[in-house]
PDB file of N, CA and C in Angstrom:
ATOM      1  N   MET A   1     165.922  -1.870  89.000  1.00  0.00           N
ATOM      2  CA  MET A   1     167.365  -1.973  88.973  1.00  0.00           C
ATOM      3  C   MET A   1     167.954  -1.002  89.989  1.00  0.00           C
ATOM      4  N   ARG A   2     168.895  -1.463  90.775  1.00  0.00           N
ATOM      5  CA  ARG A   2     169.493  -0.633  91.813  1.00  0.00           C
ATOM      6  C   ARG A   2     170.797  -0.009  91.336  1.00  0.00           C
ATOM      7  N   ASN A   3     171.115   1.117  91.932  1.00  0.00           N
ATOM      8  CA  ASN A   3     172.390   1.757  91.669  1.00  0.00           C
ATOM      9  C   ASN A   3     173.508   0.986  92.348  1.00  0.00           C
ATOM     10  N   LYS A   4     174.700   1.048  91.817  1.00  0.00           N
ATOM     11  CA  LYS A   4     175.833   0.353  92.413  1.00  0.00           C
ATOM     12  C   LYS A   4     176.265   1.008  93.721  1.00  0.00           C
ATOM     13  N   VAL A   5     175.981   2.293  93.881  1.00  0.00           N
ATOM     14  CA  VAL A   5     176.417   3.022  95.056  1.00  0.00           C
ATOM     15  C   VAL A   5     175.613   2.611  96.283  1.00  0.00           C
ATOM     16  N   GLY A   6     174.389   2.162  96.107  1.00  0.00           N
ATOM     17  CA  GLY A   6     173.588   1.722  97.232  1.00  0.00           C
ATOM     18  C   GLY A   6     172.502   2.693  97.639  1.00  0.00           C
ATOM     19  N   ARG A   7     172.260   3.725  96.844  1.00  0.00           N
ATOM     20  CA  ARG A   7     171.159   4.639  97.148  1.00  0.00           C
ATOM     21  C   ARG A   7     170.147   4.556  96.013  1.00  0.00           C
ATOM     22  N   PRO A   8     168.899   4.901  96.292  1.00  0.00           N
ATOM     23  CA  PRO A   8     167.880   4.829  95.240  1.00  0.00           C
ATOM     24  C   PRO A   8     168.226   5.722  94.057  1.00  0.00           C
ATOM     25  N   LYS A   9     167.864   5.288  92.876  1.00  0.00           N
ATOM     26  CA  LYS A   9     168.172   6.034  91.664  1.00  0.00           C
ATOM     27  C   LYS A   9     167.453   7.382  91.679  1.00  0.00           C
ATOM     28  N   GLY A  10     168.172   8.418  91.292  1.00  0.00           N
ATOM     29  CA  GLY A  10     167.598   9.753  91.230  1.00  0.00           C
ATOM     30  C   GLY A  10     167.730  10.554  92.511  1.00  0.00           C
ATOM     31  N   GLN A  11     168.278   9.961  93.567  1.00  0.00           N
ATOM     32  CA  GLN A  11     168.449  10.691  94.819  1.00  0.00           C
ATOM     33  C   GLN A  11     169.923  10.977  95.034  1.00  0.00           C
ATOM     34  N   SER A  12     170.203  12.122  95.590  1.00  0.00           N
ATOM     35  CA  SER A  12     171.573  12.530  95.818  1.00  0.00           C
ATOM     36  C   SER A  12     171.921  12.393  97.290  1.00  0.00           C
ATOM     37  N   ILE A  13     173.217  12.300  97.561  1.00  0.00           N
ATOM     38  CA  ILE A  13     173.642  12.230  98.949  1.00  0.00           C
ATOM     39  C   ILE A  13     173.675  13.617  99.585  1.00  0.00           C
ATOM     40  N   PHE A  14     173.507  14.682  98.797  1.00  0.00           N
ATOM     41  CA  PHE A  14     173.617  16.040  99.293  1.00  0.00           C
ATOM     42  C   PHE A  14     172.273  16.686  99.605  1.00  0.00           C
ATOM     43  N   LEU A  15     171.187  15.940  99.579  1.00  0.00           N
ATOM     44  CA  LEU A  15     169.888  16.575  99.720  1.00  0.00           C
ATOM     45  C   LEU A  15     169.410  16.724 101.154  1.00  0.00           C
ATOM     46  N   LYS A  16     170.118  16.198 102.145  1.00  0.00           N
ATOM     47  CA  LYS A  16     169.650  16.289 103.518  1.00  0.00           C
ATOM     48  C   LYS A  16     170.774  16.713 104.441  1.00  0.00           C
ATOM     49  N   GLY A  17     170.390  17.329 105.545  1.00  0.00           N
ATOM     50  CA  GLY A  17     171.334  17.585 106.618  1.00  0.00           C
ATOM     51  C   GLY A  17     172.125  18.869 106.500  1.00  0.00           C
ATOM     52  N   LYS A  18     173.253  18.857 107.209  1.00  0.00           N
ATOM     53  CA  LYS A  18     174.091  20.036 107.337  1.00  0.00           C
ATOM     54  C   LYS A  18     174.697  20.468 106.013  1.00  0.00           C
ATOM     55  N   ILE A  19     175.087  19.514 105.179  1.00  0.00           N
ATOM     56  CA  ILE A  19     175.687  19.855 103.883  1.00  0.00           C
ATOM     57  C   ILE A  19     174.679  20.587 103.010  1.00  0.00           C
ATOM     58  N   ASN A  20     173.407  20.196 103.086  1.00  0.00           N
ATOM     59  CA  ASN A  20     172.362  20.873 102.316  1.00  0.00           C
ATOM     60  C   ASN A  20     172.256  22.335 102.738  1.00  0.00           C
ATOM     61  N   ARG A  21     172.270  22.597 104.037  1.00  0.00           N
ATOM     62  CA  ARG A  21     172.184  23.983 104.519  1.00  0.00           C
ATOM     63  C   ARG A  21     173.388  24.802 104.077  1.00  0.00           C
ATOM     64  N   ILE A  22     174.558  24.186 104.079  1.00  0.00           N
ATOM     65  CA  ILE A  22     175.764  24.892 103.644  1.00  0.00           C
ATOM     66  C   ILE A  22     175.674  25.239 102.160  1.00  0.00           C
ATOM     67  N   ILE A  23     175.198  24.291 101.356  1.00  0.00           N
ATOM     68  CA  ILE A  23     175.076  24.526  99.910  1.00  0.00           C
ATOM     69  C   ILE A  23     174.040  25.608  99.630  1.00  0.00           C
ATOM     70  N   VAL A  24     172.911  25.591 100.365  1.00  0.00           N
ATOM     71  CA  VAL A  24     171.871  26.613 100.167  1.00  0.00           C
ATOM     72  C   VAL A  24     172.420  27.994 100.493  1.00  0.00           C
ATOM     73  N   SER A  25     173.137  28.133 101.595  1.00  0.00           N
ATOM     74  CA  SER A  25     173.682  29.444 101.940  1.00  0.00           C
ATOM     75  C   SER A  25     174.735  29.885 100.937  1.00  0.00           C
ATOM     76  N   LEU A  26     175.493  28.930 100.397  1.00  0.00           N
ATOM     77  CA  LEU A  26     176.504  29.262  99.394  1.00  0.00           C
ATOM     78  C   LEU A  26     175.859  29.716  98.089  1.00  0.00           C
ATOM     79  N   ILE A  27     174.764  29.065  97.684  1.00  0.00           N
ATOM     80  CA  ILE A  27     174.046  29.485  96.466  1.00  0.00           C
ATOM     81  C   ILE A  27     173.521  30.899  96.650  1.00  0.00           C
ATOM     82  N   ARG A  28     172.987  31.197  97.833  1.00  0.00           N
ATOM     83  CA  ARG A  28     172.448  32.544  98.088  1.00  0.00           C
ATOM     84  C   ARG A  28     173.546  33.597  98.071  1.00  0.00           C
ATOM     85  N   THR A  29     174.710  33.292  98.649  1.00  0.00           N
ATOM     86  CA  THR A  29     175.773  34.299  98.685  1.00  0.00           C
ATOM     87  C   THR A  29     176.450  34.466  97.334  1.00  0.00           C
ATOM     88  N   CYS A  30     176.609  33.368  96.588  1.00  0.00           N
ATOM     89  CA  CYS A  30     177.270  33.456  95.272  1.00  0.00           C
ATOM     90  C   CYS A  30     176.340  34.039  94.217  1.00  0.00           C
ATOM     91  N   GLY A  31     175.043  33.782  94.327  1.00  0.00           N
ATOM     92  CA  GLY A  31     174.085  34.323  93.383  1.00  0.00           C
ATOM     93  C   GLY A  31     173.854  33.467  92.153  1.00  0.00           C
ATOM     94  N   GLY A  32     174.523  32.343  92.047  1.00  0.00           N
ATOM     95  CA  GLY A  32     174.321  31.479  90.887  1.00  0.00           C
ATOM     96  C   GLY A  32     174.904  30.100  91.121  1.00  0.00           C
ATOM     97  N   LEU A  33     174.459  29.164  90.301  1.00  0.00           N
ATOM     98  CA  LEU A  33     174.877  27.780  90.481  1.00  0.00           C
ATOM     99  C   LEU A  33     176.322  27.547  90.031  1.00  0.00           C
ATOM    100  N   THR A  34     176.709  28.152  88.922  1.00  0.00           N
ATOM    101  CA  THR A  34     178.062  27.943  88.419  1.00  0.00           C
ATOM    102  C   THR A  34     179.091  28.541  89.368  1.00  0.00           C
ATOM    103  N   ALA A  35     178.810  29.733  89.877  1.00  0.00           N
ATOM    104  CA  ALA A  35     179.725  30.360  90.835  1.00  0.00           C
ATOM    105  C   ALA A  35     179.817  29.544  92.117  1.00  0.00           C
ATOM    106  N   CYS A  36     178.690  28.981  92.540  1.00  0.00           N
ATOM    107  CA  CYS A  36     178.668  28.144  93.740  1.00  0.00           C
ATOM    108  C   CYS A  36     179.498  26.883  93.527  1.00  0.00           C
ATOM    109  N   ARG A  37     179.307  26.232  92.391  1.00  0.00           N
ATOM    110  CA  ARG A  37     180.061  25.012  92.091  1.00  0.00           C
ATOM    111  C   ARG A  37     181.556  25.297  92.012  1.00  0.00           C
ATOM    112  N   ASP A  38     181.923  26.399  91.358  1.00  0.00           N
ATOM    113  CA  ASP A  38     183.335  26.751  91.236  1.00  0.00           C
ATOM    114  C   ASP A  38     183.958  27.041  92.602  1.00  0.00           C
ATOM    115  N   LYS A  39     183.219  27.740  93.456  1.00  0.00           N
ATOM    116  CA  LYS A  39     183.739  28.058  94.785  1.00  0.00           C
ATOM    117  C   LYS A  39     183.950  26.790  95.610  1.00  0.00           C
ATOM    118  N   MET A  40     183.018  25.819  95.500  1.00  0.00           N
ATOM    119  CA  MET A  40     183.161  24.571  96.239  1.00  0.00           C
ATOM    120  C   MET A  40     184.357  23.769  95.743  1.00  0.00           C
ATOM    121  N   LEU A  41     184.625  23.814  94.437  1.00  0.00           N
ATOM    122  CA  LEU A  41     185.735  23.047  93.867  1.00  0.00           C
ATOM    123  C   LEU A  41     187.082  23.709  94.111  1.00  0.00           C
ATOM    124  N   ILE A  42     187.145  25.036  93.959  1.00  0.00           N
ATOM    125  CA  ILE A  42     188.424  25.737  94.034  1.00  0.00           C
ATOM    126  C   ILE A  42     188.802  26.091  95.470  1.00  0.00           C
ATOM    127  N   GLU A  43     187.903  26.793  96.175  1.00  0.00           N
ATOM    128  CA  GLU A  43     188.222  27.276  97.514  1.00  0.00           C
ATOM    129  C   GLU A  43     187.896  26.261  98.602  1.00  0.00           C
ATOM    130  N   GLY A  44     186.846  25.487  98.391  1.00  0.00           N
ATOM    131  CA  GLY A  44     186.409  24.557  99.420  1.00  0.00           C
ATOM    132  C   GLY A  44     185.337  25.172 100.305  1.00  0.00           C
ATOM    133  N   VAL A  45     184.738  24.339 101.144  1.00  0.00           N
ATOM    134  CA  VAL A  45     183.633  24.761 102.006  1.00  0.00           C
ATOM    135  C   VAL A  45     183.964  24.356 103.434  1.00  0.00           C
ATOM    136  N   GLN A  46     183.636  25.218 104.381  1.00  0.00           N
ATOM    137  CA  GLN A  46     183.858  24.932 105.798  1.00  0.00           C
ATOM    138  C   GLN A  46     182.731  24.042 106.306  1.00  0.00           C
ATOM    139  N   LEU A  47     182.971  22.737 106.406  1.00  0.00           N
ATOM    140  CA  LEU A  47     181.951  21.798 106.858  1.00  0.00           C
ATOM    141  C   LEU A  47     181.917  21.689 108.376  1.00  0.00           C
ATOM    142  N   THR A  48     183.082  21.675 109.001  1.00  0.00           N
ATOM    143  CA  THR A  48     183.151  21.613 110.458  1.00  0.00           C
ATOM    144  C   THR A  48     183.986  22.773 110.962  1.00  0.00           C
ATOM    145  N   PRO A  49     183.493  23.461 111.999  1.00  0.00           N
ATOM    146  CA  PRO A  49     184.243  24.608 112.514  1.00  0.00           C
ATOM    147  C   PRO A  49     185.585  24.169 113.097  1.00  0.00           C
ATOM    148  N   GLY A  50     186.596  24.965 112.843  1.00  0.00           N
ATOM    149  CA  GLY A  50     187.916  24.682 113.370  1.00  0.00           C
ATOM    150  C   GLY A  50     188.748  23.732 112.523  1.00  0.00           C
ATOM    151  N   LYS A  51     188.159  23.186 111.492  1.00  0.00           N
ATOM    152  CA  LYS A  51     188.887  22.274 110.600  1.00  0.00           C
ATOM    153  C   LYS A  51     189.140  22.996 109.274  1.00  0.00           C
ATOM    154  N   PRO A  52     190.104  22.524 108.488  1.00  0.00           N
ATOM    155  CA  PRO A  52     190.329  23.165 107.186  1.00  0.00           C
ATOM    156  C   PRO A  52     189.148  22.971 106.241  1.00  0.00           C
ATOM    157  N   LYS A  53     189.068  23.852 105.263  1.00  0.00           N
ATOM    158  CA  LYS A  53     187.992  23.755 104.273  1.00  0.00           C
ATOM    159  C   LYS A  53     188.153  22.502 103.442  1.00  0.00           C
ATOM    160  N   GLU A  54     187.020  21.899 103.072  1.00  0.00           N
ATOM    161  CA  GLU A  54     187.030  20.700 102.247  1.00  0.00           C
ATOM    162  C   GLU A  54     186.448  21.037 100.882  1.00  0.00           C
ATOM    163  N   ARG A  55     187.026  20.435  99.845  1.00  0.00           N
ATOM    164  CA  ARG A  55     186.511  20.640  98.498  1.00  0.00           C
ATOM    165  C   ARG A  55     185.433  19.607  98.215  1.00  0.00           C
ATOM    166  N   LEU A  56     184.302  20.083  97.707  1.00  0.00           N
ATOM    167  CA  LEU A  56     183.191  19.205  97.368  1.00  0.00           C
ATOM    168  C   LEU A  56     182.959  19.245  95.870  1.00  0.00           C
ATOM    169  N   MET A  57     182.660  18.097  95.320  1.00  0.00           N
ATOM    170  CA  MET A  57     182.294  18.025  93.909  1.00  0.00           C
ATOM    171  C   MET A  57     180.812  17.695  93.841  1.00  0.00           C
ATOM    172  N   VAL A  58     180.018  18.666  93.427  1.00  0.00           N
ATOM    173  CA  VAL A  58     178.568  18.504  93.358  1.00  0.00           C
ATOM    174  C   VAL A  58     178.153  18.763  91.924  1.00  0.00           C
ATOM    175  N   SER A  59     177.304  17.894  91.387  1.00  0.00           N
ATOM    176  CA  SER A  59     176.874  18.055  89.997  1.00  0.00           C
ATOM    177  C   SER A  59     175.844  19.181  89.888  1.00  0.00           C
ATOM    178  N   MET A  60     175.706  19.697  88.685  1.00  0.00           N
ATOM    179  CA  MET A  60     174.740  20.780  88.449  1.00  0.00           C
ATOM    180  C   MET A  60     173.302  20.339  88.712  1.00  0.00           C
ATOM    181  N   PRO A  61     172.879  19.125  88.305  1.00  0.00           N
ATOM    182  CA  PRO A  61     171.504  18.727  88.623  1.00  0.00           C
ATOM    183  C   PRO A  61     171.233  18.675  90.127  1.00  0.00           C
ATOM    184  N   THR A  62     172.233  18.277  90.911  1.00  0.00           N
ATOM    185  CA  THR A  62     172.065  18.269  92.366  1.00  0.00           C
ATOM    186  C   THR A  62     171.919  19.681  92.895  1.00  0.00           C
ATOM    187  N   LEU A  63     172.711  20.620  92.379  1.00  0.00           N
ATOM    188  CA  LEU A  63     172.594  22.013  92.804  1.00  0.00           C
ATOM    189  C   LEU A  63     171.227  22.582  92.442  1.00  0.00           C
ATOM    190  N   VAL A  64     170.715  22.225  91.274  1.00  0.00           N
ATOM    191  CA  VAL A  64     169.388  22.693  90.863  1.00  0.00           C
ATOM    192  C   VAL A  64     168.327  22.143  91.809  1.00  0.00           C
ATOM    193  N   LYS A  65     168.416  20.862  92.167  1.00  0.00           N
ATOM    194  CA  LYS A  65     167.448  20.270  93.096  1.00  0.00           C
ATOM    195  C   LYS A  65     167.497  20.939  94.455  1.00  0.00           C
ATOM    196  N   VAL A  66     168.701  21.197  94.957  1.00  0.00           N
ATOM    197  CA  VAL A  66     168.854  21.855  96.257  1.00  0.00           C
ATOM    198  C   VAL A  66     168.255  23.253  96.209  1.00  0.00           C
ATOM    199  N   ALA A  67     168.502  23.986  95.118  1.00  0.00           N
ATOM    200  CA  ALA A  67     167.960  25.339  94.978  1.00  0.00           C
ATOM    201  C   ALA A  67     166.436  25.312  94.882  1.00  0.00           C
ATOM    202  N   GLN A  68     165.879  24.328  94.184  1.00  0.00           N
ATOM    203  CA  GLN A  68     164.424  24.231  94.072  1.00  0.00           C
ATOM    204  C   GLN A  68     163.789  23.875  95.403  1.00  0.00           C
ATOM    205  N   GLN A  69     164.426  22.984  96.173  1.00  0.00           N
ATOM    206  CA  GLN A  69     163.888  22.621  97.480  1.00  0.00           C
ATOM    207  C   GLN A  69     163.910  23.799  98.433  1.00  0.00           C
ATOM    208  N   ALA A  70     164.942  24.644  98.322  1.00  0.00           N
ATOM    209  CA  ALA A  70     165.049  25.817  99.181  1.00  0.00           C
ATOM    210  C   ALA A  70     164.244  26.998  98.647  1.00  0.00           C
ATOM    211  N   LYS A  71     163.602  26.810  97.488  1.00  0.00           N
ATOM    212  CA  LYS A  71     162.781  27.844  96.837  1.00  0.00           C
ATOM    213  C   LYS A  71     163.581  29.112  96.541  1.00  0.00           C
ATOM    214  N   ILE A  72     164.799  28.910  96.037  1.00  0.00           N
ATOM    215  CA  ILE A  72     165.645  30.022  95.629  1.00  0.00           C
ATOM    216  C   ILE A  72     165.306  30.358  94.187  1.00  0.00           C
ATOM    217  N   LYS A  73     165.036  31.626  93.930  1.00  0.00           N
ATOM    218  CA  LYS A  73     164.716  32.050  92.570  1.00  0.00           C
ATOM    219  C   LYS A  73     166.023  32.312  91.834  1.00  0.00           C
ATOM    220  N   LEU A  74     166.276  31.516  90.821  1.00  0.00           N
ATOM    221  CA  LEU A  74     167.516  31.634  90.065  1.00  0.00           C
ATOM    222  C   LEU A  74     167.311  32.536  88.859  1.00  0.00           C
ATOM    223  N   ARG A  75     168.286  33.402  88.631  1.00  0.00           N
ATOM    224  CA  ARG A  75     168.233  34.297  87.485  1.00  0.00           C
ATOM    225  C   ARG A  75     169.060  33.715  86.353  1.00  0.00           C
ATOM    226  N   PRO A  76     168.714  34.032  85.109  1.00  0.00           N
ATOM    227  CA  PRO A  76     169.532  33.551  83.995  1.00  0.00           C
ATOM    228  C   PRO A  76     170.920  34.197  84.020  1.00  0.00           C
ATOM    229  N   GLY A  77     171.867  33.534  83.420  1.00  0.00           N
ATOM    230  CA  GLY A  77     173.245  34.027  83.398  1.00  0.00           C
ATOM    231  C   GLY A  77     173.432  35.186  82.445  1.00  0.00           C
ATOM    232  N   ARG A  78     174.684  35.506  82.223  1.00  0.00           N
ATOM    233  CA  ARG A  78     175.003  36.612  81.325  1.00  0.00           C
ATOM    234  C   ARG A  78     174.567  36.309  79.906  1.00  0.00           C
ATOM    235  N   LYS A  79     174.123  37.321  79.220  1.00  0.00           N
ATOM    236  CA  LYS A  79     173.782  37.154  77.812  1.00  0.00           C
ATOM    237  C   LYS A  79     175.041  37.312  76.995  1.00  0.00           C
ATOM    238  N   VAL A  80     175.239  36.409  76.070  1.00  0.00           N
ATOM    239  CA  VAL A  80     176.431  36.441  75.229  1.00  0.00           C
ATOM    240  C   VAL A  80     176.076  37.104  73.912  1.00  0.00           C
ATOM    241  N   SER A  81     176.817  38.137  73.565  1.00  0.00           N
ATOM    242  CA  SER A  81     176.559  38.798  72.278  1.00  0.00           C
ATOM    243  C   SER A  81     177.603  38.309  71.280  1.00  0.00           C
ATOM    244  N   VAL A  82     177.147  38.023  70.101  1.00  0.00           N
ATOM    245  CA  VAL A  82     178.023  37.505  69.057  1.00  0.00           C
ATOM    246  C   VAL A  82     178.315  38.638  68.075  1.00  0.00           C
ATOM    247  N   ALA A  83     179.593  38.895  67.881  1.00  0.00           N
ATOM    248  CA  ALA A  83     179.985  39.939  66.927  1.00  0.00           C
ATOM    249  C   ALA A  83     179.999  39.351  65.521  1.00  0.00           C
ATOM    250  N   ILE A  84     179.436  40.094  64.578  1.00  0.00           N
ATOM    251  CA  ILE A  84     179.394  39.605  63.189  1.00  0.00           C
ATOM    252  C   ILE A  84     180.461  40.294  62.387  1.00  0.00           C
TER     253      ILE A  84
END
């Protein structure tokens, strides 16, 4: 069964090329996937020099795949303490 979008199932449009390199550098500078996703949604990313920043919506599974392909070691997030 094919996807309606026209790409093979399980593959993302963000896994190759210049956008992949931008996402990898953003993950490294932000230090985490959630911070990277928030920065892409709120502030935007500079895709082409001299043009305004563009906002990208990237899912968490895609960010995890990009980080694994780039062999970035991800640390767990903050520990939440529950007051009793």
